[in-house]
Protein backbone atom coordinates (compact mmCIF):
# COMPACT_ATOMS: atom_id res chain seq x y z
CA UNK A 1 3.60 36.25 39.46
CA UNK A 2 2.55 39.39 37.96
CA UNK A 3 -1.31 39.83 37.04
CA UNK A 4 -1.86 43.48 36.96
CA UNK A 5 0.53 46.05 35.84
CA UNK A 6 0.22 50.18 36.13
CA UNK A 7 1.79 52.13 33.24
CA UNK A 8 1.90 55.78 34.37
CA UNK A 9 3.01 58.17 31.30
CA UNK A 10 2.90 61.59 30.17
CA UNK A 11 3.56 62.10 26.64
CA UNK A 12 3.30 65.60 24.66
CA UNK A 13 3.35 63.80 20.92
CA UNK A 14 2.71 60.19 21.76
CA UNK A 15 5.92 58.63 21.34
CA UNK A 16 6.60 57.74 24.54
CA UNK A 17 3.22 56.35 25.17
CA UNK A 18 3.79 53.94 21.90
CA UNK A 19 7.24 52.92 23.24
CA UNK A 20 5.51 51.87 26.66
CA UNK A 21 3.15 50.04 24.76
CA UNK A 22 5.47 48.01 22.90
CA UNK A 23 7.28 47.23 26.32
CA UNK A 24 4.34 45.78 28.17
CA UNK A 25 2.95 44.13 24.74
CA UNK A 26 4.03 40.96 25.50
CA UNK A 27 3.20 40.85 29.03
CA UNK A 28 -0.28 41.62 27.88
CA UNK A 29 -0.50 38.65 25.36
CA UNK A 30 0.65 36.44 28.34
CA UNK A 31 -2.65 37.61 30.26
CA UNK A 32 -1.03 40.41 32.35
CA UNK A 33 -3.54 43.08 32.73
CA UNK A 34 -2.32 46.40 31.80
CA UNK A 35 -3.89 49.65 33.30
CA UNK A 36 -2.92 52.97 31.95
CA UNK A 37 -2.36 56.26 33.76
CA UNK A 38 -2.37 59.01 31.54
CA UNK A 39 -0.74 62.05 33.51
CA UNK A 40 -2.74 65.47 32.47
CA UNK A 41 -1.15 68.72 33.99
CA UNK A 42 -3.94 71.47 34.65
CA UNK A 43 -2.17 73.90 32.42
CA UNK A 44 -1.04 71.82 28.99
CA UNK A 45 2.11 72.16 27.53
CA UNK A 46 1.16 72.10 23.84
CA UNK A 47 3.56 70.70 21.17
CA UNK A 48 4.99 72.07 19.24
CA UNK A 49 6.45 74.32 22.02
CA UNK A 50 6.35 78.06 21.27
CA UNK A 51 9.99 79.08 21.52
CA UNK A 52 9.27 81.47 24.68
CA UNK A 53 7.43 78.61 26.57
CA UNK A 54 10.17 76.16 25.47
CA UNK A 55 12.55 78.33 27.13
CA UNK A 56 10.62 79.34 29.95
CA UNK A 57 10.02 75.73 30.94
CA UNK A 58 14.00 75.35 31.47
CA UNK A 59 13.85 77.08 35.33
CA UNK A 60 10.86 75.36 36.42
CA UNK A 61 12.16 71.99 35.39
CA UNK A 62 15.71 72.06 36.52
CA UNK A 63 14.42 73.54 40.06
CA UNK A 64 11.36 70.82 40.55
CA UNK A 65 8.80 73.56 40.60
CA UNK A 66 6.28 70.97 39.53
CA UNK A 67 2.83 72.02 38.11
CA UNK A 68 -0.48 70.54 39.31
CA UNK A 69 -1.88 67.86 37.86
CA UNK A 70 -5.36 66.36 37.24
CA UNK A 71 -6.44 63.64 39.37
CA UNK A 72 -5.93 59.89 38.15
CA UNK A 73 -7.59 56.85 38.72
CA UNK A 74 -6.01 55.80 41.96
CA UNK A 75 -7.58 52.19 42.09
CA UNK A 76 -5.53 51.35 38.89
CA UNK A 77 -2.48 52.19 41.17
CA UNK A 78 -3.54 50.48 44.32
CA UNK A 79 -4.25 47.23 42.40
CA UNK A 80 -0.95 47.00 40.58
CA UNK A 81 1.75 44.43 40.97
CA UNK A 82 3.98 46.33 39.44
CA UNK A 83 4.20 49.90 38.36
CA UNK A 84 6.03 51.22 35.25
CA UNK A 85 6.86 54.78 35.36
CA UNK A 86 7.47 55.80 31.63
CA UNK A 87 8.97 59.47 31.69
CA UNK A 88 10.49 62.16 29.49
CA UNK A 89 13.64 63.93 29.99
CA UNK A 90 13.22 67.71 29.90
CA UNK A 91 16.48 70.02 30.48
CA UNK A 92 18.22 66.64 32.25
CA UNK A 93 15.50 66.40 34.67
CA UNK A 94 12.27 64.16 34.72
CA UNK A 95 9.28 66.07 32.78
CA UNK A 96 7.24 68.84 34.51
CA UNK A 97 4.23 66.80 34.29
CA UNK A 98 5.73 63.78 36.04
CA UNK A 99 7.13 65.83 38.68
CA UNK A 100 3.86 66.99 39.40
CA UNK A 101 2.60 63.48 39.59
CA UNK A 102 5.48 62.47 41.96
CA UNK A 103 4.81 65.29 44.20
CA UNK A 104 1.03 64.91 44.42
CA UNK A 105 -0.69 62.80 46.95
CA UNK A 106 -1.31 60.27 44.11
CA UNK A 107 2.39 59.95 43.48
CA UNK A 108 2.76 59.03 47.38
CA UNK A 109 1.00 56.24 46.66
CA UNK A 110 3.85 54.72 45.18
CA UNK A 111 6.13 54.74 48.22
CA UNK A 112 3.30 52.14 49.43
CA UNK A 113 4.48 49.97 46.48
CA UNK A 114 8.14 49.28 47.67
C-alpha cells in the first residue's frame, strides 16, 4: 500500500501545481502523505514571457540544453513509494526546468525508484 507520494512539479503560473493537487487530493484524504518538490531553475523563466525570451527558449527546449536548477530536498524523493512528475510541455519537449531536474544528480535518484 502507498504511504508516501512525492510530487515533482515546475509551474510558471501555478496552474500545473493546482492540477497536480487535484489529482492527489483523494489520496491525501485517504491518509497518504504527499511531499511536494518544486523545481526552481537558477535563472528564472518569468511569466508572462518577454517575446524575445519566449522564442529564445525554443532551441534549448528542442535540443535538450537543460538549465541548472536549485537543490531539492532529496529525503522527500528517497522516502517516496511513488513519484509523480507533473510536467509542462514547451515546444513539444519537457519544460527546461524539468529537463534540468532530470539531468541533475537529483533526477538520477528517480532511476532507483524503478
